[in-house]
Amino acid sequence: MKIINPLNSLQGKFTLYLSILIIATMSALAYWNISREKRLLRDAIVREGKALVESLAISCTNTMLYEEIGLVEEGGLLDNYISDLMQRRDLNIIYAMIIDPKGKIIAHNSMVEVGNLYQDQITKRVLASWNTLLQHPTDNVLDISTPLAISTKRWGTFRIGISLEGCTPDITSENRENDARGNTTRSFPIDCSI
């Protein structure tokens, strides 16, 4: 019996080339789609974090102003703002702090940090900026800060750190749950460190 090599025929060559073309096209489209999703997810985190910092800065500025003019006694209101912020689950906030204009920590989610003087490069840039500032102290952390100021009077800076590791879901546990239900859908990780 004679074995025929399917690649010798025109139909075999056409099928091979078409399969390679389909695989290459699908790979390119998958890469483009994953890159797009990474960018959209990262943009959403930045947008939410920036809106959160800027809106909470208003309350912190008002509190500091009222304390300065004596309308409110210092009663830990800034600490309460930070405590409430740390309990949020929609953003993976790893730290929140209020820094005075000299770099001294006024309020922090970790009470041992209160009173410390920060003089690192990121803090120096934060204190020098009069606009909301986005920085990346590490690959997996987004630092967002905004001044606590009215006109030219500055009381300090409000600063939070958001972990970008939350962009990558736990695939193994999710896939195990899907397998237990008989669902064969697979999830793929989205790494936000573009």
N, C-alpha and C. Protein backbone atom coordinates (compact mmCIF):
# COMPACT_ATOMS: atom_id res chain seq x y z
N MET A 1 0.84 -1.17 0.00
CA MET A 1 0.00 0.00 0.00
C MET A 1 0.89 1.24 0.00
N LYS A 2 0.56 2.16 -0.83
CA LYS A 2 1.33 3.37 -1.01
C LYS A 2 0.79 4.48 -0.10
N ILE A 3 1.69 5.09 0.69
CA ILE A 3 1.30 6.19 1.57
C ILE A 3 1.52 7.50 0.83
N ILE A 4 0.47 8.29 0.78
CA ILE A 4 0.54 9.56 0.06
C ILE A 4 0.80 10.68 1.07
N ASN A 5 1.79 11.48 0.79
CA ASN A 5 2.11 12.63 1.63
C ASN A 5 1.12 13.75 1.29
N PRO A 6 0.31 14.20 2.28
CA PRO A 6 -0.71 15.21 1.96
C PRO A 6 -0.12 16.56 1.57
N LEU A 7 1.15 16.82 1.91
CA LEU A 7 1.74 18.11 1.57
C LEU A 7 2.18 18.18 0.11
N ASN A 8 2.21 17.06 -0.57
CA ASN A 8 2.59 17.06 -1.99
C ASN A 8 1.46 17.54 -2.88
N SER A 9 0.23 17.45 -2.39
CA SER A 9 -0.90 17.86 -3.22
C SER A 9 -1.18 19.35 -3.01
N LEU A 10 -1.83 19.94 -3.96
CA LEU A 10 -2.20 21.35 -3.89
C LEU A 10 -3.16 21.60 -2.72
N GLN A 11 -4.10 20.69 -2.51
CA GLN A 11 -5.05 20.82 -1.42
C GLN A 11 -4.32 20.77 -0.06
N GLY A 12 -3.35 19.91 0.09
CA GLY A 12 -2.59 19.79 1.34
C GLY A 12 -1.79 21.05 1.63
N LYS A 13 -1.13 21.59 0.59
CA LYS A 13 -0.35 22.84 0.77
C LYS A 13 -1.27 24.01 1.12
N PHE A 14 -2.41 24.08 0.45
CA PHE A 14 -3.37 25.14 0.73
C PHE A 14 -3.87 25.07 2.18
N THR A 15 -4.20 23.87 2.64
CA THR A 15 -4.67 23.67 4.01
C THR A 15 -3.59 24.05 5.01
N LEU A 16 -2.34 23.68 4.77
CA LEU A 16 -1.24 24.01 5.67
C LEU A 16 -1.03 25.52 5.74
N TYR A 17 -0.95 26.19 4.59
CA TYR A 17 -0.73 27.64 4.57
C TYR A 17 -1.90 28.40 5.20
N LEU A 18 -3.10 27.96 4.91
CA LEU A 18 -4.27 28.60 5.48
C LEU A 18 -4.30 28.42 7.01
N SER A 19 -3.95 27.25 7.48
CA SER A 19 -3.89 27.01 8.94
C SER A 19 -2.86 27.91 9.60
N ILE A 20 -1.69 28.04 8.99
CA ILE A 20 -0.65 28.92 9.53
C ILE A 20 -1.12 30.36 9.54
N LEU A 21 -1.78 30.80 8.48
CA LEU A 21 -2.31 32.16 8.40
C LEU A 21 -3.36 32.41 9.47
N ILE A 22 -4.25 31.44 9.69
CA ILE A 22 -5.30 31.58 10.70
C ILE A 22 -4.68 31.66 12.10
N ILE A 23 -3.71 30.80 12.40
CA ILE A 23 -3.05 30.81 13.71
C ILE A 23 -2.32 32.13 13.94
N ALA A 24 -1.62 32.62 12.92
CA ALA A 24 -0.89 33.90 13.06
C ALA A 24 -1.86 35.06 13.27
N THR A 25 -2.94 35.09 12.52
CA THR A 25 -3.93 36.16 12.64
C THR A 25 -4.59 36.14 14.02
N MET A 26 -4.99 34.96 14.47
CA MET A 26 -5.63 34.84 15.78
C MET A 26 -4.66 35.22 16.90
N SER A 27 -3.39 34.87 16.78
CA SER A 27 -2.39 35.23 17.78
C SER A 27 -2.22 36.74 17.84
N ALA A 28 -2.14 37.37 16.67
CA ALA A 28 -1.99 38.83 16.62
C ALA A 28 -3.21 39.52 17.23
N LEU A 29 -4.41 39.04 16.91
CA LEU A 29 -5.63 39.63 17.46
C LEU A 29 -5.72 39.41 18.97
N ALA A 30 -5.33 38.25 19.46
CA ALA A 30 -5.34 37.99 20.90
C ALA A 30 -4.36 38.90 21.62
N TYR A 31 -3.16 39.08 21.08
CA TYR A 31 -2.16 39.97 21.68
C TYR A 31 -2.69 41.40 21.72
N TRP A 32 -3.28 41.85 20.64
CA TRP A 32 -3.83 43.20 20.57
C TRP A 32 -4.94 43.38 21.60
N ASN A 33 -5.82 42.39 21.71
CA ASN A 33 -6.94 42.48 22.64
C ASN A 33 -6.46 42.49 24.09
N ILE A 34 -5.50 41.66 24.44
CA ILE A 34 -4.97 41.62 25.80
C ILE A 34 -4.27 42.94 26.12
N SER A 35 -3.50 43.47 25.18
CA SER A 35 -2.83 44.76 25.40
C SER A 35 -3.84 45.88 25.61
N ARG A 36 -4.90 45.86 24.85
CA ARG A 36 -5.95 46.86 24.97
C ARG A 36 -6.64 46.75 26.33
N GLU A 37 -6.95 45.53 26.76
CA GLU A 37 -7.60 45.33 28.06
C GLU A 37 -6.69 45.79 29.20
N LYS A 38 -5.40 45.53 29.10
CA LYS A 38 -4.45 46.00 30.11
C LYS A 38 -4.50 47.52 30.22
N ARG A 39 -4.45 48.18 29.08
CA ARG A 39 -4.47 49.64 29.05
C ARG A 39 -5.77 50.19 29.62
N LEU A 40 -6.91 49.59 29.26
CA LEU A 40 -8.20 50.06 29.75
C LEU A 40 -8.33 49.85 31.26
N LEU A 41 -7.86 48.71 31.76
CA LEU A 41 -7.93 48.44 33.19
C LEU A 41 -7.04 49.40 33.97
N ARG A 42 -5.85 49.62 33.46
CA ARG A 42 -4.91 50.54 34.12
C ARG A 42 -5.48 51.97 34.11
N ASP A 43 -6.05 52.39 32.98
CA ASP A 43 -6.65 53.72 32.90
C ASP A 43 -7.81 53.88 33.88
N ALA A 44 -8.60 52.82 34.06
CA ALA A 44 -9.72 52.87 35.00
C ALA A 44 -9.22 53.00 36.44
N ILE A 45 -8.15 52.28 36.78
CA ILE A 45 -7.59 52.37 38.13
C ILE A 45 -7.05 53.78 38.37
N VAL A 46 -6.34 54.33 37.40
CA VAL A 46 -5.80 55.69 37.54
C VAL A 46 -6.93 56.70 37.68
N ARG A 47 -7.95 56.59 36.87
CA ARG A 47 -9.08 57.53 36.90
C ARG A 47 -9.81 57.46 38.25
N GLU A 48 -10.09 56.24 38.74
CA GLU A 48 -10.77 56.10 40.02
C GLU A 48 -9.91 56.59 41.18
N GLY A 49 -8.63 56.25 41.15
CA GLY A 49 -7.72 56.68 42.22
C GLY A 49 -7.57 58.18 42.26
N LYS A 50 -7.42 58.78 41.10
CA LYS A 50 -7.27 60.25 41.03
C LYS A 50 -8.54 60.95 41.52
N ALA A 51 -9.70 60.46 41.11
CA ALA A 51 -10.96 61.06 41.57
C ALA A 51 -11.12 60.90 43.08
N LEU A 52 -10.73 59.76 43.61
CA LEU A 52 -10.83 59.52 45.03
C LEU A 52 -9.93 60.46 45.83
N VAL A 53 -8.69 60.59 45.39
CA VAL A 53 -7.74 61.46 46.09
C VAL A 53 -8.19 62.92 46.03
N GLU A 54 -8.60 63.37 44.87
CA GLU A 54 -9.01 64.77 44.73
C GLU A 54 -10.28 65.09 45.51
N SER A 55 -11.22 64.15 45.56
CA SER A 55 -12.46 64.42 46.31
C SER A 55 -12.22 64.37 47.82
N LEU A 56 -11.41 63.43 48.29
CA LEU A 56 -11.13 63.34 49.72
C LEU A 56 -10.22 64.48 50.18
N ALA A 57 -9.42 65.03 49.28
CA ALA A 57 -8.54 66.16 49.62
C ALA A 57 -9.35 67.38 50.05
N ILE A 58 -10.53 67.54 49.49
CA ILE A 58 -11.38 68.68 49.86
C ILE A 58 -11.78 68.58 51.33
N SER A 59 -12.21 67.39 51.75
CA SER A 59 -12.59 67.20 53.15
C SER A 59 -11.40 67.37 54.08
N CYS A 60 -10.26 66.85 53.69
CA CYS A 60 -9.06 66.98 54.53
C CYS A 60 -8.62 68.44 54.63
N THR A 61 -8.67 69.16 53.53
CA THR A 61 -8.29 70.57 53.55
C THR A 61 -9.24 71.36 54.45
N ASN A 62 -10.53 71.11 54.33
CA ASN A 62 -11.50 71.80 55.17
C ASN A 62 -11.26 71.50 56.65
N THR A 63 -10.99 70.25 56.96
CA THR A 63 -10.73 69.87 58.35
C THR A 63 -9.49 70.59 58.89
N MET A 64 -8.44 70.63 58.09
CA MET A 64 -7.21 71.29 58.54
C MET A 64 -7.42 72.80 58.68
N LEU A 65 -8.21 73.38 57.78
CA LEU A 65 -8.53 74.80 57.88
C LEU A 65 -9.32 75.09 59.15
N TYR A 66 -10.35 74.28 59.40
CA TYR A 66 -11.19 74.47 60.60
C TYR A 66 -10.38 74.28 61.88
N GLU A 67 -9.45 73.35 61.88
CA GLU A 67 -8.59 73.16 63.06
C GLU A 67 -7.70 74.38 63.27
N GLU A 68 -7.19 74.94 62.17
CA GLU A 68 -6.29 76.09 62.28
C GLU A 68 -7.01 77.33 62.82
N ILE A 69 -8.24 77.53 62.39
CA ILE A 69 -8.95 78.73 62.86
C ILE A 69 -9.74 78.47 64.14
N GLY A 70 -9.70 77.24 64.65
CA GLY A 70 -10.30 76.93 65.94
C GLY A 70 -11.76 76.55 65.92
N LEU A 71 -12.34 76.29 64.75
CA LEU A 71 -13.74 75.88 64.69
C LEU A 71 -13.92 74.42 65.11
N VAL A 72 -12.87 73.63 64.93
CA VAL A 72 -12.91 72.21 65.26
C VAL A 72 -11.67 71.89 66.07
N GLU A 73 -11.87 71.10 67.12
CA GLU A 73 -10.71 70.64 67.88
C GLU A 73 -10.12 69.44 67.18
N GLU A 74 -8.81 69.26 67.33
CA GLU A 74 -8.18 68.10 66.71
C GLU A 74 -8.69 66.86 67.41
N GLY A 75 -9.49 66.11 66.71
CA GLY A 75 -10.12 64.94 67.32
C GLY A 75 -9.92 63.68 66.52
N GLY A 76 -8.93 63.65 65.67
CA GLY A 76 -8.67 62.44 64.89
C GLY A 76 -9.54 62.31 63.66
N LEU A 77 -10.09 63.41 63.19
CA LEU A 77 -10.95 63.36 62.01
C LEU A 77 -10.17 62.92 60.77
N LEU A 78 -8.93 63.40 60.64
CA LEU A 78 -8.10 62.99 59.50
C LEU A 78 -7.81 61.49 59.56
N ASP A 79 -7.56 60.98 60.76
CA ASP A 79 -7.35 59.54 60.92
C ASP A 79 -8.59 58.75 60.54
N ASN A 80 -9.77 59.30 60.85
CA ASN A 80 -11.02 58.63 60.47
C ASN A 80 -11.18 58.59 58.95
N TYR A 81 -10.82 59.68 58.27
CA TYR A 81 -10.89 59.69 56.80
C TYR A 81 -10.00 58.59 56.23
N ILE A 82 -8.80 58.49 56.76
CA ILE A 82 -7.86 57.49 56.25
C ILE A 82 -8.33 56.07 56.59
N SER A 83 -8.86 55.89 57.78
CA SER A 83 -9.38 54.58 58.18
C SER A 83 -10.52 54.14 57.27
N ASP A 84 -11.44 55.06 56.99
CA ASP A 84 -12.55 54.74 56.08
C ASP A 84 -12.03 54.42 54.69
N LEU A 85 -11.03 55.16 54.25
CA LEU A 85 -10.46 54.93 52.92
C LEU A 85 -9.82 53.55 52.83
N MET A 86 -9.13 53.13 53.87
CA MET A 86 -8.45 51.83 53.86
C MET A 86 -9.43 50.66 53.86
N GLN A 87 -10.66 50.90 54.25
CA GLN A 87 -11.66 49.83 54.28
C GLN A 87 -12.34 49.62 52.93
N ARG A 88 -12.06 50.46 51.98
CA ARG A 88 -12.64 50.31 50.64
C ARG A 88 -12.08 49.06 49.98
N ARG A 89 -12.92 48.36 49.25
CA ARG A 89 -12.49 47.13 48.58
C ARG A 89 -12.44 47.27 47.06
N ASP A 90 -12.93 48.39 46.54
CA ASP A 90 -12.94 48.55 45.08
C ASP A 90 -11.56 48.86 44.52
N LEU A 91 -10.70 49.53 45.30
CA LEU A 91 -9.32 49.76 44.90
C LEU A 91 -8.43 49.09 45.94
N ASN A 92 -7.35 48.52 45.51
CA ASN A 92 -6.44 47.84 46.42
C ASN A 92 -5.46 48.86 47.00
N ILE A 93 -5.93 49.66 47.96
CA ILE A 93 -5.11 50.73 48.55
C ILE A 93 -4.20 50.10 49.60
N ILE A 94 -2.89 50.35 49.45
CA ILE A 94 -1.94 49.77 50.40
C ILE A 94 -1.44 50.77 51.42
N TYR A 95 -1.53 52.05 51.13
CA TYR A 95 -1.21 53.06 52.13
C TYR A 95 -1.94 54.36 51.81
N ALA A 96 -2.18 55.12 52.86
CA ALA A 96 -2.79 56.44 52.72
C ALA A 96 -2.17 57.31 53.81
N MET A 97 -1.82 58.54 53.45
CA MET A 97 -1.18 59.42 54.43
C MET A 97 -1.44 60.89 54.09
N ILE A 98 -1.28 61.70 55.13
CA ILE A 98 -1.31 63.16 54.96
C ILE A 98 0.03 63.66 55.46
N ILE A 99 0.70 64.43 54.62
CA ILE A 99 2.04 64.92 54.91
C ILE A 99 1.98 66.44 55.04
N ASP A 100 2.63 66.99 56.07
CA ASP A 100 2.67 68.44 56.18
C ASP A 100 3.67 69.01 55.17
N PRO A 101 3.71 70.32 54.96
CA PRO A 101 4.59 70.90 53.92
C PRO A 101 6.09 70.62 54.12
N LYS A 102 6.48 70.19 55.29
CA LYS A 102 7.90 69.90 55.54
C LYS A 102 8.23 68.42 55.37
N GLY A 103 7.22 67.58 55.15
CA GLY A 103 7.45 66.15 54.96
C GLY A 103 7.13 65.30 56.17
N LYS A 104 6.60 65.90 57.23
CA LYS A 104 6.25 65.16 58.44
C LYS A 104 4.86 64.54 58.26
N ILE A 105 4.74 63.28 58.68
CA ILE A 105 3.47 62.56 58.54
C ILE A 105 2.50 63.02 59.63
N ILE A 106 1.36 63.58 59.21
CA ILE A 106 0.32 64.04 60.13
C ILE A 106 -0.65 62.90 60.45
N ALA A 107 -1.01 62.14 59.41
CA ALA A 107 -1.93 61.02 59.57
C ALA A 107 -1.49 59.92 58.60
N HIS A 108 -1.64 58.68 59.02
CA HIS A 108 -1.20 57.54 58.20
C HIS A 108 -2.05 56.34 58.58
N ASN A 109 -2.21 55.40 57.64
CA ASN A 109 -2.98 54.20 57.96
C ASN A 109 -2.23 53.31 58.97
N SER A 110 -0.91 53.46 59.06
CA SER A 110 -0.11 52.77 60.07
C SER A 110 0.31 53.80 61.12
N MET A 111 -0.23 53.67 62.30
CA MET A 111 0.00 54.68 63.34
C MET A 111 1.47 54.84 63.71
N VAL A 112 2.31 53.84 63.47
CA VAL A 112 3.74 53.96 63.80
C VAL A 112 4.44 54.95 62.87
N GLU A 113 3.83 55.27 61.74
CA GLU A 113 4.44 56.21 60.80
C GLU A 113 4.14 57.67 61.15
N VAL A 114 3.11 57.91 61.96
CA VAL A 114 2.73 59.27 62.31
C VAL A 114 3.88 59.93 63.07
N GLY A 115 4.26 61.12 62.61
CA GLY A 115 5.35 61.87 63.22
C GLY A 115 6.68 61.69 62.51
N ASN A 116 6.80 60.65 61.67
CA ASN A 116 8.04 60.44 60.93
C ASN A 116 8.22 61.52 59.87
N LEU A 117 9.44 61.78 59.53
CA LEU A 117 9.77 62.76 58.50
C LEU A 117 10.22 62.02 57.25
N TYR A 118 9.48 62.19 56.16
CA TYR A 118 9.81 61.54 54.89
C TYR A 118 10.61 62.52 54.05
N GLN A 119 11.77 62.08 53.57
CA GLN A 119 12.61 62.95 52.74
C GLN A 119 13.10 62.23 51.48
N ASP A 120 12.38 61.18 51.07
CA ASP A 120 12.75 60.47 49.85
C ASP A 120 12.38 61.30 48.62
N GLN A 121 12.87 60.88 47.46
CA GLN A 121 12.66 61.64 46.23
C GLN A 121 11.18 61.75 45.85
N ILE A 122 10.43 60.70 46.06
CA ILE A 122 9.00 60.73 45.71
C ILE A 122 8.28 61.76 46.57
N THR A 123 8.58 61.78 47.87
CA THR A 123 7.95 62.76 48.76
C THR A 123 8.37 64.17 48.40
N LYS A 124 9.62 64.36 48.04
CA LYS A 124 10.07 65.70 47.64
C LYS A 124 9.31 66.19 46.39
N ARG A 125 9.11 65.29 45.42
CA ARG A 125 8.33 65.68 44.23
C ARG A 125 6.89 65.99 44.60
N VAL A 126 6.33 65.18 45.51
CA VAL A 126 4.94 65.38 45.95
C VAL A 126 4.78 66.74 46.61
N LEU A 127 5.72 67.08 47.49
CA LEU A 127 5.62 68.36 48.22
C LEU A 127 5.87 69.57 47.32
N ALA A 128 6.62 69.38 46.24
CA ALA A 128 6.91 70.48 45.33
C ALA A 128 5.77 70.72 44.32
N SER A 129 4.94 69.72 44.11
CA SER A 129 3.90 69.81 43.09
C SER A 129 2.64 70.49 43.63
N TRP A 130 2.04 71.32 42.80
CA TRP A 130 0.77 71.96 43.14
C TRP A 130 -0.39 71.34 42.36
N ASN A 131 -0.12 70.23 41.69
CA ASN A 131 -1.14 69.51 40.94
C ASN A 131 -1.19 68.06 41.42
N THR A 132 -2.23 67.36 41.04
CA THR A 132 -2.30 65.93 41.35
C THR A 132 -1.18 65.24 40.60
N LEU A 133 -0.46 64.38 41.31
CA LEU A 133 0.75 63.76 40.77
C LEU A 133 0.61 62.25 40.81
N LEU A 134 0.93 61.60 39.69
CA LEU A 134 0.93 60.14 39.60
C LEU A 134 2.37 59.68 39.48
N GLN A 135 2.78 58.75 40.34
CA GLN A 135 4.14 58.22 40.31
C GLN A 135 4.10 56.71 40.51
N HIS A 136 5.19 56.07 40.13
CA HIS A 136 5.33 54.62 40.32
C HIS A 136 6.59 54.35 41.14
N PRO A 137 6.45 54.28 42.49
CA PRO A 137 7.63 53.99 43.30
C PRO A 137 8.19 52.60 43.02
N THR A 138 7.33 51.66 42.69
CA THR A 138 7.73 50.32 42.23
C THR A 138 6.84 49.96 41.06
N ASP A 139 7.15 48.85 40.41
CA ASP A 139 6.37 48.44 39.24
C ASP A 139 4.91 48.14 39.59
N ASN A 140 4.66 47.65 40.81
CA ASN A 140 3.32 47.22 41.17
C ASN A 140 2.57 48.22 42.04
N VAL A 141 3.10 49.43 42.20
CA VAL A 141 2.43 50.43 43.05
C VAL A 141 2.26 51.73 42.26
N LEU A 142 1.05 52.25 42.33
CA LEU A 142 0.75 53.56 41.76
C LEU A 142 0.55 54.51 42.92
N ASP A 143 1.36 55.55 43.00
CA ASP A 143 1.28 56.55 44.06
C ASP A 143 0.57 57.77 43.49
N ILE A 144 -0.54 58.16 44.12
CA ILE A 144 -1.31 59.32 43.68
C ILE A 144 -1.34 60.31 44.83
N SER A 145 -0.98 61.55 44.54
CA SER A 145 -0.96 62.58 45.58
C SER A 145 -1.54 63.88 45.04
N THR A 146 -2.10 64.65 45.95
CA THR A 146 -2.65 65.96 45.59
C THR A 146 -2.43 66.91 46.76
N PRO A 147 -2.19 68.18 46.46
CA PRO A 147 -1.96 69.14 47.55
C PRO A 147 -3.24 69.44 48.32
N LEU A 148 -3.08 69.69 49.60
CA LEU A 148 -4.18 70.16 50.45
C LEU A 148 -3.98 71.66 50.58
N ALA A 149 -4.62 72.40 49.68
CA ALA A 149 -4.36 73.84 49.60
C ALA A 149 -5.61 74.59 49.18
N ILE A 150 -5.64 75.84 49.62
CA ILE A 150 -6.63 76.80 49.14
C ILE A 150 -5.84 78.01 48.68
N SER A 151 -5.98 78.33 47.41
CA SER A 151 -5.22 79.41 46.79
C SER A 151 -3.73 79.15 46.97
N THR A 152 -3.03 80.02 47.66
CA THR A 152 -1.58 79.83 47.83
C THR A 152 -1.23 79.28 49.21
N LYS A 153 -2.23 79.04 50.06
CA LYS A 153 -1.99 78.49 51.39
C LYS A 153 -2.05 76.97 51.31
N ARG A 154 -0.95 76.34 51.69
CA ARG A 154 -0.87 74.88 51.62
C ARG A 154 -0.72 74.30 53.03
N TRP A 155 -1.60 73.35 53.36
CA TRP A 155 -1.55 72.68 54.66
C TRP A 155 -0.79 71.37 54.59
N GLY A 156 -0.64 70.82 53.41
CA GLY A 156 0.06 69.56 53.26
C GLY A 156 -0.30 68.87 51.96
N THR A 157 -0.12 67.57 51.95
CA THR A 157 -0.39 66.76 50.76
C THR A 157 -1.08 65.48 51.19
N PHE A 158 -2.10 65.10 50.43
CA PHE A 158 -2.77 63.83 50.65
C PHE A 158 -2.22 62.84 49.63
N ARG A 159 -1.85 61.65 50.10
CA ARG A 159 -1.15 60.68 49.24
C ARG A 159 -1.65 59.27 49.52
N ILE A 160 -1.94 58.51 48.44
CA ILE A 160 -2.30 57.10 48.59
C ILE A 160 -1.45 56.26 47.65
N GLY A 161 -1.32 55.00 47.99
CA GLY A 161 -0.65 54.03 47.13
C GLY A 161 -1.63 52.94 46.77
N ILE A 162 -1.74 52.65 45.49
CA ILE A 162 -2.66 51.62 45.02
C ILE A 162 -1.82 50.49 44.44
N SER A 163 -2.09 49.28 44.90
CA SER A 163 -1.39 48.11 44.38
C SER A 163 -1.96 47.74 43.02
N LEU A 164 -1.08 47.56 42.06
CA LEU A 164 -1.51 47.14 40.73
C LEU A 164 -1.50 45.63 40.60
N GLU A 165 -1.11 44.91 41.66
CA GLU A 165 -1.14 43.46 41.63
C GLU A 165 -2.57 42.95 41.58
N GLY A 166 -3.52 43.75 42.02
CA GLY A 166 -4.92 43.37 41.98
C GLY A 166 -5.45 43.25 40.56
N CYS A 167 -4.69 43.69 39.59
CA CYS A 167 -5.11 43.58 38.19
C CYS A 167 -5.01 42.15 37.69
N THR A 168 -4.25 41.31 38.39
CA THR A 168 -4.06 39.92 37.98
C THR A 168 -4.88 39.04 38.91
N PRO A 169 -5.99 38.52 38.43
CA PRO A 169 -6.82 37.67 39.28
C PRO A 169 -6.15 36.33 39.55
N ASP A 170 -6.60 35.65 40.59
CA ASP A 170 -6.08 34.34 40.93
C ASP A 170 -6.72 33.32 39.99
N ILE A 171 -6.00 32.96 38.96
CA ILE A 171 -6.54 32.12 37.91
C ILE A 171 -6.79 30.70 38.40
N THR A 172 -5.87 30.16 39.17
CA THR A 172 -5.98 28.75 39.56
C THR A 172 -7.23 28.51 40.39
N SER A 173 -7.52 29.34 41.37
CA SER A 173 -8.70 29.11 42.21
C SER A 173 -9.98 29.33 41.41
N GLU A 174 -9.97 30.32 40.53
CA GLU A 174 -11.15 30.57 39.70
C GLU A 174 -11.41 29.39 38.76
N ASN A 175 -10.35 28.87 38.16
CA ASN A 175 -10.52 27.74 37.25
C ASN A 175 -10.94 26.48 37.99
N ARG A 176 -10.46 26.29 39.24
CA ARG A 176 -10.89 25.14 40.04
C ARG A 176 -12.38 25.24 40.33
N GLU A 177 -12.87 26.45 40.65
CA GLU A 177 -14.30 26.63 40.91
C GLU A 177 -15.11 26.33 39.66
N ASN A 178 -14.63 26.78 38.50
CA ASN A 178 -15.32 26.50 37.24
C ASN A 178 -15.35 25.01 36.95
N ASP A 179 -14.25 24.31 37.20
CA ASP A 179 -14.20 22.87 36.97
C ASP A 179 -15.18 22.14 37.87
N ALA A 180 -15.31 22.57 39.12
CA ALA A 180 -16.22 21.92 40.06
C ALA A 180 -17.66 22.07 39.61
N ARG A 181 -17.98 23.17 38.92
CA ARG A 181 -19.34 23.38 38.42
C ARG A 181 -19.55 22.79 37.03
N GLY A 182 -18.48 22.22 36.47
CA GLY A 182 -18.58 21.66 35.13
C GLY A 182 -18.42 22.69 34.04
N ASN A 183 -18.01 23.89 34.37
CA ASN A 183 -17.81 24.97 33.41
C ASN A 183 -16.37 24.88 32.88
N THR A 184 -16.19 24.90 31.59
CA THR A 184 -14.85 24.77 31.02
C THR A 184 -14.25 26.10 30.61
N THR A 185 -14.89 27.20 30.98
CA THR A 185 -14.38 28.52 30.63
C THR A 185 -13.11 28.79 31.42
N ARG A 186 -12.10 29.33 30.77
CA ARG A 186 -10.82 29.63 31.41
C ARG A 186 -10.62 31.14 31.46
N SER A 187 -9.98 31.59 32.53
CA SER A 187 -9.64 33.00 32.66
C SER A 187 -8.16 33.16 32.40
N PHE A 188 -7.80 34.29 31.85
CA PHE A 188 -6.40 34.58 31.59
C PHE A 188 -5.99 35.79 32.38
N PRO A 189 -4.74 35.80 32.92
CA PRO A 189 -4.32 36.91 33.75
C PRO A 189 -4.13 38.19 32.93
N ILE A 190 -4.43 39.30 33.56
CA ILE A 190 -4.16 40.60 32.96
C ILE A 190 -3.17 41.30 33.87
N ASP A 191 -1.96 41.47 33.39
CA ASP A 191 -0.91 42.13 34.17
C ASP A 191 -0.94 43.60 33.80
N CYS A 192 -1.05 44.48 34.78
CA CYS A 192 -1.19 45.91 34.52
C CYS A 192 0.14 46.64 34.44
N SER A 193 1.24 45.95 34.37
CA SER A 193 2.53 46.63 34.42
C SER A 193 3.07 46.94 33.03
N ILE A 194 2.26 47.57 32.21
CA ILE A 194 2.69 47.94 30.86
C ILE A 194 3.66 49.07 30.96
